[in-house]
Amino acid sequence: MGVNRRKLMLSHDGVKIYHSWKGARALTWWYALEPEHEAEGGGRDFDIRRLPQPYLEGLDLDMARVADAAQTLKAYDRMLDAHREVLRRAIDARHDFGTSVARDHRKGGAWTWLRRALGR
């Protein structure tokens, strides 16, 4: 399912979600509320892993490690499909993505999450 990662990740029930970017690279778990969002200094993105648990339940948000390129692309597509399903669930539940953005940036965003995950 080819998606132009510089543009729209998902449009569902009138809500549009975009990839968040750091330079020329789309971030794996961060999504934005506006197109062409730059993660550093943008402040309009959120970490999909921090959405409420009911939206995440039963889905694997990580990409499976595989040996060859063809399988890697399939694993990547499966991961993006899982991310889209999480976003659909959140939209259907009328989740306030603005609250997620504020939470993730108020608490330091990706760097704070990474430090916590590493136990530092």
Protein backbone atom coordinates (compact mmCIF):
# COMPACT_ATOMS: atom_id res chain seq x y z
CA MET A 1 0.00 0.00 0.00
CA GLY A 2 2.24 2.83 -1.19
CA VAL A 3 1.89 5.95 0.92
CA ASN A 4 3.58 9.24 0.20
CA ARG A 5 5.18 9.69 3.59
CA ARG A 6 5.70 13.43 3.04
CA LYS A 7 1.98 13.81 2.87
CA LEU A 8 -0.94 12.02 4.43
CA MET A 9 -0.60 8.94 6.68
CA LEU A 10 -4.33 8.52 7.25
CA SER A 11 -7.57 10.34 6.58
CA HIS A 12 -10.48 8.90 8.54
CA ASP A 13 -13.84 10.40 9.48
CA GLY A 14 -12.66 13.92 8.66
CA VAL A 15 -9.40 13.69 10.67
CA LYS A 16 -6.04 13.83 8.90
CA ILE A 17 -2.83 12.47 10.38
CA TYR A 18 0.62 12.94 8.82
CA HIS A 19 4.12 11.56 9.36
CA SER A 20 6.41 13.65 11.53
CA TRP A 21 9.85 14.32 10.07
CA LYS A 22 13.37 14.87 11.33
CA GLY A 23 15.31 16.24 8.39
CA ALA A 24 14.85 13.85 5.46
CA ARG A 25 13.65 10.94 7.62
CA ALA A 26 10.11 10.13 8.71
CA LEU A 27 10.00 9.19 12.38
CA THR A 28 8.77 5.67 13.07
CA TRP A 29 6.30 6.27 15.92
CA TRP A 30 5.63 10.00 15.75
CA TYR A 31 2.74 11.47 13.79
CA ALA A 32 1.65 15.03 13.19
CA LEU A 33 -1.55 17.00 12.90
CA GLU A 34 -0.26 18.94 9.90
CA PRO A 35 1.69 18.07 6.74
CA GLU A 36 5.44 18.60 6.36
CA HIS A 37 5.87 18.69 10.16
CA GLU A 38 9.46 18.91 11.39
CA ALA A 39 9.81 17.13 14.73
CA GLU A 40 12.39 19.45 16.20
CA GLY A 41 10.72 22.67 17.20
CA GLY A 42 7.42 21.89 15.52
CA GLY A 43 5.47 20.90 18.59
CA ARG A 44 2.46 19.53 16.66
CA ASP A 45 3.23 15.81 16.76
CA PHE A 46 2.60 12.88 19.12
CA ASP A 47 4.02 9.46 19.92
CA ILE A 48 1.58 6.73 18.80
CA ARG A 49 2.90 4.39 21.53
CA ARG A 50 1.58 6.79 24.19
CA LEU A 51 -2.03 6.77 23.02
CA PRO A 52 -4.48 5.15 25.47
CA GLN A 53 -4.13 1.37 25.79
CA PRO A 54 -7.54 0.43 24.31
CA TYR A 55 -6.43 1.84 20.94
CA LEU A 56 -3.19 -0.18 21.02
CA GLU A 57 -4.62 -3.46 22.27
CA GLY A 58 -3.83 -6.53 20.19
CA LEU A 59 -1.61 -4.69 17.70
CA ASP A 60 2.15 -4.91 17.25
CA LEU A 61 3.45 -1.41 16.55
CA ASP A 62 7.03 -2.53 15.92
CA MET A 63 8.49 -3.85 12.71
CA ALA A 64 9.48 -7.50 12.72
CA ARG A 65 13.14 -8.13 12.00
CA VAL A 66 13.61 -10.07 8.77
CA ALA A 67 16.58 -11.09 6.67
CA ASP A 68 15.83 -10.03 3.11
CA ALA A 69 14.71 -6.77 1.51
CA ALA A 70 11.40 -8.08 0.16
CA GLN A 71 10.37 -9.34 3.59
CA THR A 72 11.54 -6.08 5.18
CA LEU A 73 9.18 -4.09 2.95
CA LYS A 74 6.28 -6.40 3.83
CA ALA A 75 7.09 -6.11 7.55
CA TYR A 76 7.23 -2.32 7.22
CA ASP A 77 3.83 -2.27 5.48
CA ARG A 78 2.36 -4.48 8.24
CA MET A 79 3.71 -2.09 10.87
CA LEU A 80 2.18 0.91 9.08
CA ASP A 81 -1.14 -0.96 8.80
CA ALA A 82 -1.07 -1.52 12.58
CA HIS A 83 -0.35 2.19 13.11
CA ARG A 84 -3.29 3.10 10.85
CA GLU A 85 -5.57 0.79 12.84
CA VAL A 86 -4.51 2.45 16.11
CA LEU A 87 -5.22 5.87 14.61
CA ARG A 88 -8.61 4.72 13.27
CA ARG A 89 -9.56 3.39 16.72
CA ALA A 90 -8.53 6.67 18.33
CA ILE A 91 -10.46 8.72 15.77
CA ASP A 92 -13.56 6.52 16.13
CA ALA A 93 -13.40 7.05 19.91
CA ARG A 94 -13.12 10.81 19.32
CA HIS A 95 -9.67 10.96 20.90
CA ASP A 96 -8.36 14.50 21.37
CA PHE A 97 -5.04 14.39 19.53
CA GLY A 98 -4.31 17.93 20.68
CA THR A 99 -4.15 16.59 24.24
CA SER A 100 -1.67 13.93 23.12
CA VAL A 101 0.47 16.58 21.44
CA ALA A 102 0.45 18.75 24.57
CA ARG A 103 1.28 15.79 26.83
CA ASP A 104 4.14 14.52 24.69
CA HIS A 105 5.72 17.97 24.40
CA ARG A 106 5.07 19.11 27.95
CA LYS A 107 6.90 16.07 29.29
CA GLY A 108 9.86 16.45 26.97
CA GLY A 109 8.62 14.45 24.00
CA ALA A 110 10.82 11.81 22.42
CA TRP A 111 13.95 12.56 24.45
CA THR A 112 12.17 12.19 27.78
CA TRP A 113 10.47 9.01 26.61
CA LEU A 114 13.81 7.58 25.44
CA ARG A 115 15.55 8.46 28.71
CA ARG A 116 12.75 6.77 30.67
CA ALA A 117 12.83 3.70 28.40
CA LEU A 118 16.59 3.39 28.93
CA GLY A 119 16.21 3.91 32.68
CA ARG A 120 18.29 7.12 32.79
